[in-house]
């Protein structure tokens, strides 16, 4: 699922709501970290099926999903009332792609609205008058309408009804790439993924919960997705310990906003750890197309042994006439030196953890104009990382 258009953020609040939100935003912003967990507790108490079958329990336990909500609502509200605030179009595009990869539909938005407004009222108490509640309700529905419209456009791009993205797939290959990373090939009635996209994999755990986790697609056609899974959560551990070749699980049609742009500009792919997976997906696409585009993969890992996709990356780089691979390993005291990278005029793609992305983006922003990239795109590991916009 992918479209070239972006969410329409040229939205406005009514004059009355604009002034109320502007006046109360500092208070809501200060308390939204408290509002978010109250909201989720209320919603899951009333709708336990959501935490069982849709939301990732690991993200809930760590608080990452709550922080994601806080970041998105506060950022969008700020954009609506502060003309100098940055446009959160990238943030909303990422959220929309996550939503369609989970099969989120229009009818679920009123549920979120109900318990979010109840949580705001509970945490802020008497400060939430009827006028304040109505103003923040308008913020929510303005944001929701933007997301719903973009999500329905994404569903339509795959020719499916909203929410109809889950497919039964058979595991047709499973192999260990390292001590912690396993590669799977999933076969079923899928769609062609854009290079760099991901799929949500769903498994039913022993307690009956269907848990979902997104994994970047290394290679794909309309019937096969190949993914690399690092064992670091409920879904990944279940896959490694319980799912074998011949078993049936669920996967969603491909989604994700980090896709290789159709461009003649040089491409610099910068990754850390398992963040190499979308980059290998891009290399695979370029190799299949016999591209002569200049491509550089810059990867950071703990050690050479922990670079799970080293062999795949090297093989793909060897197939491309104008590609190279540069790897750094922390156990050798090596780090990526952004200032030394040749990224002038290139499209830069990033994938890794929060601190890694912040460090690389900061380094790129500090480059002099003559050495600056043409554009920077990035994928994120956790909901909390939507704070990076």
Protein backbone atom coordinates (compact mmCIF):
# COMPACT_ATOMS: atom_id res chain seq x y z
CA UNK A 1 0.00 0.00 0.00
CA UNK A 2 1.57 3.22 -1.12
CA UNK A 3 0.57 6.53 -2.70
CA UNK A 4 2.66 9.49 -3.81
CA UNK A 5 0.34 12.00 -2.16
CA UNK A 6 0.80 13.05 1.46
CA UNK A 7 -1.78 13.69 4.20
CA UNK A 8 -3.64 16.98 3.82
CA UNK A 9 -2.54 19.03 6.83
CA UNK A 10 -3.93 22.35 5.57
CA UNK A 11 -6.64 22.21 8.19
CA UNK A 12 -7.96 24.86 10.54
CA UNK A 13 -9.86 25.01 13.81
CA UNK A 14 -12.90 27.21 14.34
CA UNK A 15 -11.95 30.64 15.69
CA UNK A 16 -13.30 29.86 19.17
CA UNK A 17 -11.54 26.50 19.40
CA UNK A 18 -8.30 28.00 18.08
CA UNK A 19 -8.10 30.45 20.97
CA UNK A 20 -9.05 27.85 23.60
CA UNK A 21 -6.53 25.28 22.35
CA UNK A 22 -3.82 27.93 22.14
CA UNK A 23 -4.52 28.96 25.74
CA UNK A 24 -4.73 25.40 27.12
CA UNK A 25 -1.99 23.76 25.05
CA UNK A 26 0.74 24.44 27.66
CA UNK A 27 -1.33 22.68 30.34
CA UNK A 28 -2.32 19.77 28.10
CA UNK A 29 1.26 19.48 26.86
CA UNK A 30 2.55 19.39 30.43
CA UNK A 31 0.05 16.70 31.46
CA UNK A 32 -0.28 14.66 28.29
CA UNK A 33 2.25 12.12 29.56
CA UNK A 34 -0.24 11.45 32.38
CA UNK A 35 -3.27 11.63 30.10
CA UNK A 36 -2.03 8.94 27.70
CA UNK A 37 -1.79 6.00 30.15
CA UNK A 38 -5.15 6.91 31.69
CA UNK A 39 -6.63 6.89 28.19
CA UNK A 40 -5.21 3.47 27.33
CA UNK A 41 -6.26 1.95 30.66
CA UNK A 42 -9.81 3.17 30.15
CA UNK A 43 -9.99 2.02 26.54
CA UNK A 44 -8.53 -1.43 27.17
CA UNK A 45 -10.81 -1.98 30.18
CA UNK A 46 -13.82 -1.34 27.93
CA UNK A 47 -12.35 -3.02 24.82
CA UNK A 48 -9.96 -5.80 25.91
CA UNK A 49 -9.97 -7.16 22.37
CA UNK A 50 -7.82 -4.21 21.28
CA UNK A 51 -4.88 -5.05 23.56
CA UNK A 52 -5.37 -8.75 22.84
CA UNK A 53 -5.55 -8.63 19.05
CA UNK A 54 -4.41 -5.23 17.70
CA UNK A 55 -2.05 -3.30 19.97
CA UNK A 56 1.44 -4.62 20.68
CA UNK A 57 1.62 -5.55 24.38
CA UNK A 58 5.36 -4.99 24.52
CA UNK A 59 4.97 -1.39 23.41
CA UNK A 60 2.24 -0.91 25.99
CA UNK A 61 4.34 -2.32 28.84
CA UNK A 62 7.28 -0.10 27.96
CA UNK A 63 5.08 2.97 27.58
CA UNK A 64 6.18 3.54 23.99
CA UNK A 65 2.67 3.56 22.52
CA UNK A 66 1.49 6.05 25.14
CA UNK A 67 4.38 8.37 24.29
CA UNK A 68 3.51 8.04 20.61
CA UNK A 69 -0.02 9.24 21.26
CA UNK A 70 1.26 12.11 23.38
CA UNK A 71 3.73 13.16 20.71
CA UNK A 72 1.25 13.01 17.84
CA UNK A 73 -1.63 14.84 19.56
CA UNK A 74 0.58 17.58 21.01
CA UNK A 75 2.46 18.05 17.74
CA UNK A 76 -0.72 18.27 15.68
CA UNK A 77 -2.38 20.69 18.11
CA UNK A 78 0.71 22.88 18.05
CA UNK A 79 0.64 22.96 14.26
CA UNK A 80 -3.00 24.07 14.33
CA UNK A 81 -2.43 27.05 16.66
CA UNK A 82 1.16 28.11 15.95
CA UNK A 83 1.87 29.34 12.44
CA UNK A 84 5.61 28.91 13.07
CA UNK A 85 5.31 25.25 14.09
CA UNK A 86 6.65 22.68 11.58
CA UNK A 87 4.10 20.84 9.48
CA UNK A 88 3.70 17.31 10.94
CA UNK A 89 2.93 15.82 7.53
CA UNK A 90 5.76 13.29 7.84
CA UNK A 91 4.58 12.18 11.27
CA UNK A 92 0.99 11.75 10.05
CA UNK A 93 2.14 9.82 6.98
CA UNK A 94 4.08 7.39 9.19
CA UNK A 95 1.08 6.97 11.52
CA UNK A 96 -1.25 6.32 8.58
CA UNK A 97 1.04 3.61 7.22
CA UNK A 98 1.28 1.98 10.66
CA UNK A 99 -2.50 2.09 10.92
CA UNK A 100 -3.16 0.44 7.56
CA UNK A 101 -0.58 -2.23 8.38
CA UNK A 102 -2.76 -3.06 11.42
CA UNK A 103 -6.07 -2.88 9.57
CA UNK A 104 -7.31 0.21 11.45
CA UNK A 105 -10.61 1.54 10.07
CA UNK A 106 -12.84 4.60 10.40
CA UNK A 107 -15.21 2.96 12.94
CA UNK A 108 -12.41 2.63 15.51
CA UNK A 109 -11.75 6.37 15.74
CA UNK A 110 -14.85 7.18 17.87
CA UNK A 111 -13.63 4.64 20.46
CA UNK A 112 -10.31 6.47 20.77
CA UNK A 113 -12.11 9.83 20.93
CA UNK A 114 -14.38 8.76 23.78
CA UNK A 115 -11.64 7.52 26.10
CA UNK A 116 -9.11 10.20 25.17
CA UNK A 117 -11.54 12.99 26.10
CA UNK A 118 -12.48 11.15 29.29
CA UNK A 119 -8.79 10.88 30.20
CA UNK A 120 -8.18 14.59 29.56
CA UNK A 121 -11.12 15.45 31.81
CA UNK A 122 -9.95 13.08 34.56
CA UNK A 123 -6.36 14.33 34.62
CA UNK A 124 -7.07 18.05 34.22
CA UNK A 125 -10.17 18.13 36.41
CA UNK A 126 -11.98 21.45 36.71
CA UNK A 127 -9.78 23.01 34.03
CA UNK A 128 -11.79 21.07 31.44
CA UNK A 129 -14.94 23.09 30.96
CA UNK A 130 -17.47 22.19 28.28
CA UNK A 131 -15.82 24.72 25.96
CA UNK A 132 -12.35 23.25 26.55
CA UNK A 133 -13.62 19.72 25.97
CA UNK A 134 -15.29 20.77 22.73
CA UNK A 135 -12.15 22.52 21.51
CA UNK A 136 -9.93 19.48 22.12
CA UNK A 137 -12.56 17.27 20.57
CA UNK A 138 -12.24 19.43 17.47
CA UNK A 139 -8.45 18.95 17.53
CA UNK A 140 -8.93 15.19 17.70
CA UNK A 141 -11.45 14.98 14.88
CA UNK A 142 -9.43 17.33 12.68
CA UNK A 143 -6.44 15.03 13.07
CA UNK A 144 -8.59 11.91 12.72
CA UNK A 145 -10.17 13.15 9.51
CA UNK A 146 -6.72 13.73 8.01
CA UNK A 147 -5.63 10.22 8.95
CA UNK A 148 -8.84 8.51 7.87
CA UNK A 149 -8.74 10.15 4.43
CA UNK A 150 -5.10 9.20 3.89
CA UNK A 151 -5.58 5.67 5.19
CA UNK A 152 -8.53 5.05 2.90
CA UNK A 153 -6.41 6.28 0.00
CA UNK A 154 -3.70 3.79 1.01
CA UNK A 155 -6.20 0.92 1.18
CA UNK A 156 -7.54 1.90 -2.24
CA UNK A 157 -4.01 1.82 -3.69
CA UNK A 158 -3.98 -1.94 -3.04
CA UNK A 159 -7.51 -2.40 -4.34
CA UNK A 160 -8.86 -3.58 -0.98
CA UNK A 161 -11.63 -2.46 1.34
CA UNK A 162 -10.45 -0.57 4.45
CA UNK A 163 -9.08 -3.05 6.98
CA UNK A 164 -8.93 -6.00 4.55
CA UNK A 165 -5.16 -6.41 4.71
CA UNK A 166 -4.61 -9.67 6.65
CA UNK A 167 -3.68 -12.74 4.65
CA UNK A 168 -2.95 -16.30 5.67
CA UNK A 169 0.59 -17.10 4.57
CA UNK A 170 2.66 -20.28 4.64
CA UNK A 171 6.23 -20.21 5.91
CA UNK A 172 8.14 -21.66 2.95
CA UNK A 173 11.66 -20.97 4.21
CA UNK A 174 13.31 -20.39 7.60
CA UNK A 175 17.02 -19.92 8.21
CA UNK A 176 19.23 -18.46 10.91
CA UNK A 177 21.28 -15.44 9.84
CA UNK A 178 22.94 -14.98 13.24
CA UNK A 179 22.43 -15.96 16.87
CA UNK A 180 19.59 -13.46 17.14
CA UNK A 181 18.26 -12.95 13.59
CA UNK A 182 16.17 -15.44 11.59
CA UNK A 183 15.03 -15.06 7.99
CA UNK A 184 11.58 -16.23 6.86
CA UNK A 185 9.85 -16.40 3.50
CA UNK A 186 6.08 -16.05 3.66
CA UNK A 187 3.94 -17.21 0.73
CA UNK A 188 0.33 -16.29 0.02
CA UNK A 189 -1.97 -13.90 -1.87
CA UNK A 190 -0.03 -10.69 -1.25
CA UNK A 191 0.76 -7.49 -3.14
CA UNK A 192 4.01 -6.22 -4.61
CA UNK A 193 5.85 -4.30 -1.91
CA UNK A 194 7.67 -1.06 -2.58
CA UNK A 195 11.40 -1.39 -1.79
CA UNK A 196 11.84 -0.52 1.89
CA UNK A 197 8.31 -1.34 3.09
CA UNK A 198 7.26 -3.69 5.88
CA UNK A 199 4.54 -6.22 6.70
CA UNK A 200 2.75 -6.81 10.01
CA UNK A 201 3.15 -10.43 11.05
CA UNK A 202 0.47 -11.87 13.34
CA UNK A 203 0.77 -14.96 15.52
CA UNK A 204 -1.60 -16.45 18.09
CA UNK A 205 0.28 -16.83 21.37
CA UNK A 206 -0.37 -19.54 23.98
CA UNK A 207 -2.75 -17.27 25.94
CA UNK A 208 -4.93 -16.84 22.84
CA UNK A 209 -3.86 -13.28 22.02
CA UNK A 210 -3.09 -12.42 18.42
CA UNK A 211 -0.05 -10.18 18.58
CA UNK A 212 1.32 -8.15 15.67
CA UNK A 213 4.77 -6.83 14.87
CA UNK A 214 6.07 -5.02 11.80
CA UNK A 215 9.07 -6.44 9.93
CA UNK A 216 10.80 -4.89 6.93
CA UNK A 217 10.62 -6.84 3.69
CA UNK A 218 13.95 -7.90 2.20
CA UNK A 219 12.59 -9.29 -1.05
CA UNK A 220 9.08 -9.50 -2.45
CA UNK A 221 6.75 -10.29 -5.28
CA UNK A 222 2.98 -10.70 -5.35
CA UNK A 223 3.10 -14.07 -3.59
CA UNK A 224 6.24 -13.97 -1.40
CA UNK A 225 7.62 -11.70 1.31
CA UNK A 226 11.04 -12.42 2.81
CA UNK A 227 11.69 -10.84 6.21
CA UNK A 228 14.52 -10.86 8.76
CA UNK A 229 13.40 -11.07 12.39
CA UNK A 230 15.51 -10.15 15.40
CA UNK A 231 14.48 -11.97 18.56
CA UNK A 232 13.57 -9.14 20.91
CA UNK A 233 9.88 -9.48 21.76
CA UNK A 234 6.86 -11.79 22.11
CA UNK A 235 6.18 -12.17 18.38
CA UNK A 236 9.80 -12.66 17.33
CA UNK A 237 10.51 -15.20 20.08
CA UNK A 238 7.34 -17.12 19.19
CA UNK A 239 8.34 -17.19 15.53
CA UNK A 240 11.82 -18.51 16.31
CA UNK A 241 10.74 -21.14 18.83
CA UNK A 242 7.40 -22.31 17.44
CA UNK A 243 6.97 -21.53 13.74
CA UNK A 244 8.53 -23.84 11.17
CA UNK A 245 8.44 -24.35 7.39
CA UNK A 246 4.95 -25.43 6.39
CA UNK A 247 3.17 -23.57 9.19
CA UNK A 248 0.48 -20.96 8.50
CA UNK A 249 0.56 -17.53 10.15
CA UNK A 250 -0.83 -14.12 9.18
CA UNK A 251 0.81 -11.23 7.36
CA UNK A 252 -0.58 -7.95 6.09
CA UNK A 253 -0.21 -6.38 2.70
CA UNK A 254 2.96 -4.28 2.56
CA UNK A 255 2.92 -0.75 3.96
CA UNK A 256 5.44 1.85 5.06
CA UNK A 257 6.51 5.34 4.05
CA UNK A 258 10.26 4.65 3.78
CA UNK A 259 10.46 3.65 0.12
CA UNK A 260 13.21 4.04 -2.42
CA UNK A 261 12.34 7.11 -4.49
CA UNK A 262 12.31 6.90 -8.27
CA UNK A 263 15.31 9.14 -8.83
CA UNK A 264 18.66 9.32 -10.59
CA UNK A 265 20.24 10.93 -7.56
CA UNK A 266 22.85 8.87 -5.69
CA UNK A 267 21.36 6.86 -2.82
CA UNK A 268 23.09 6.56 0.55
CA UNK A 269 21.59 3.89 2.80
CA UNK A 270 22.60 4.30 6.45
CA UNK A 271 21.58 1.67 9.01
CA UNK A 272 22.36 0.22 12.40
CA UNK A 273 21.73 -3.33 13.63
CA UNK A 274 18.53 -4.87 12.29
CA UNK A 275 17.87 -1.51 10.59
CA UNK A 276 19.72 -3.06 7.65
CA UNK A 277 16.55 -4.90 6.58
CA UNK A 278 14.81 -2.13 4.58
CA UNK A 279 18.18 -1.22 3.08
CA UNK A 280 18.72 -4.79 1.88
CA UNK A 281 15.21 -4.60 0.45
CA UNK A 282 16.21 -1.52 -1.54
CA UNK A 283 19.45 -3.16 -2.72
CA UNK A 284 17.49 -6.25 -3.78
CA UNK A 285 15.16 -4.11 -5.88
CA UNK A 286 18.04 -2.23 -7.50
CA UNK A 287 19.88 -5.47 -8.28
CA UNK A 288 16.74 -6.96 -9.84
CA UNK A 289 16.45 -3.87 -12.05
CA UNK A 290 20.17 -3.97 -12.97
CA UNK A 291 20.37 -0.36 -11.84
CA UNK A 292 23.46 1.71 -12.57
CA UNK A 293 22.52 4.22 -9.88
CA UNK A 294 25.29 5.15 -7.45
CA UNK A 295 24.46 3.43 -4.15
CA UNK A 296 26.36 3.33 -0.88
CA UNK A 297 25.33 1.18 2.07
CA UNK A 298 26.78 2.49 5.34
CA UNK A 299 26.11 0.11 8.22
CA UNK A 300 26.97 0.18 11.92
CA UNK A 301 26.86 -2.89 14.16
CA UNK A 302 28.20 -4.21 17.43
CA UNK A 303 30.54 -6.62 15.65
CA UNK A 304 31.07 -8.28 12.30
CA UNK A 305 29.38 -11.43 13.67
CA UNK A 306 26.28 -9.46 14.68
CA UNK A 307 25.86 -7.95 11.20
CA UNK A 308 23.23 -10.56 10.34
CA UNK A 309 22.72 -9.47 6.74
CA UNK A 310 26.37 -8.98 5.88
CA UNK A 311 26.45 -11.83 3.34
CA UNK A 312 23.22 -10.70 1.66
CA UNK A 313 24.35 -7.08 1.51
CA UNK A 314 27.75 -7.99 0.05
CA UNK A 315 26.18 -10.26 -2.57
CA UNK A 316 23.73 -7.57 -3.67
CA UNK A 317 26.39 -4.84 -3.78
CA UNK A 318 28.51 -7.16 -5.97
CA UNK A 319 25.63 -7.40 -8.46
CA UNK A 320 25.44 -3.61 -8.85
CA UNK A 321 28.00 -1.89 -11.02
CA UNK A 322 28.06 1.35 -9.05
CA UNK A 323 27.55 0.27 -5.42
CA UNK A 324 29.71 -0.06 -2.34
CA UNK A 325 29.41 -1.19 1.27
CA UNK A 326 31.04 0.42 4.28
CA UNK A 327 30.62 -1.24 7.70
CA UNK A 328 31.74 -0.05 11.13
CA UNK A 329 31.87 -2.18 14.26
CA UNK A 330 31.68 -0.82 17.77
CA UNK A 331 33.79 -3.63 19.22
CA UNK A 332 36.62 -2.21 17.11
CA UNK A 333 35.95 1.28 18.42
CA UNK A 334 34.48 2.32 15.06
CA UNK A 335 31.60 4.75 14.54
CA UNK A 336 30.06 6.27 11.42
CA UNK A 337 31.74 9.58 10.65
CA UNK A 338 28.96 11.57 9.01
CA UNK A 339 31.31 14.40 8.03
CA UNK A 340 33.37 11.91 6.01
CA UNK A 341 30.41 10.55 4.05
CA UNK A 342 30.01 11.59 0.42
CA UNK A 343 26.31 12.49 0.50
CA UNK A 344 26.33 15.71 -1.50
CA UNK A 345 23.17 15.83 -3.63
CA UNK A 346 22.14 12.31 -2.65
CA UNK A 347 18.96 10.80 -1.26
CA UNK A 348 19.80 9.53 2.21
CA UNK A 349 17.77 6.73 3.80
CA UNK A 350 18.13 6.00 7.53
CA UNK A 351 16.98 3.14 9.72
CA UNK A 352 17.96 2.38 13.29
CA UNK A 353 17.24 3.15 16.90
CA UNK A 354 16.36 6.50 18.40
CA UNK A 355 19.84 7.63 19.44
CA UNK A 356 21.38 6.43 16.18
CA UNK A 357 18.88 8.37 14.08
CA UNK A 358 19.30 11.52 16.15
CA UNK A 359 23.09 11.35 15.85
CA UNK A 360 23.10 10.75 12.09
CA UNK A 361 20.44 13.38 11.37
CA UNK A 362 22.28 15.92 13.51
CA UNK A 363 25.48 15.19 11.63
CA UNK A 364 23.76 15.59 8.27
CA UNK A 365 22.17 18.88 9.33
CA UNK A 366 25.58 20.23 10.33
CA UNK A 367 27.15 19.57 6.94
CA UNK A 368 28.01 22.67 4.90
CA UNK A 369 25.64 23.44 2.05
CA UNK A 370 27.99 22.12 -0.63
CA UNK A 371 28.18 18.72 1.12
CA UNK A 372 24.52 18.45 2.11
CA UNK A 373 22.23 15.68 0.83
CA UNK A 374 19.32 16.34 -1.48
CA UNK A 375 16.82 14.73 0.93
CA UNK A 376 16.73 12.57 4.05
CA UNK A 377 14.17 9.80 4.66
CA UNK A 378 13.96 7.48 7.65
CA UNK A 379 12.29 4.48 9.22
CA UNK A 380 11.74 4.07 12.96
CA UNK A 381 11.90 1.16 15.36
CA UNK A 382 9.27 2.06 17.95
CA UNK A 383 6.17 4.24 18.35
CA UNK A 384 8.02 6.58 20.69
CA UNK A 385 10.35 7.43 17.85
CA UNK A 386 7.54 9.38 16.18
CA UNK A 387 8.83 12.14 18.43
CA UNK A 388 11.57 12.53 15.80
CA UNK A 389 9.94 14.56 13.07
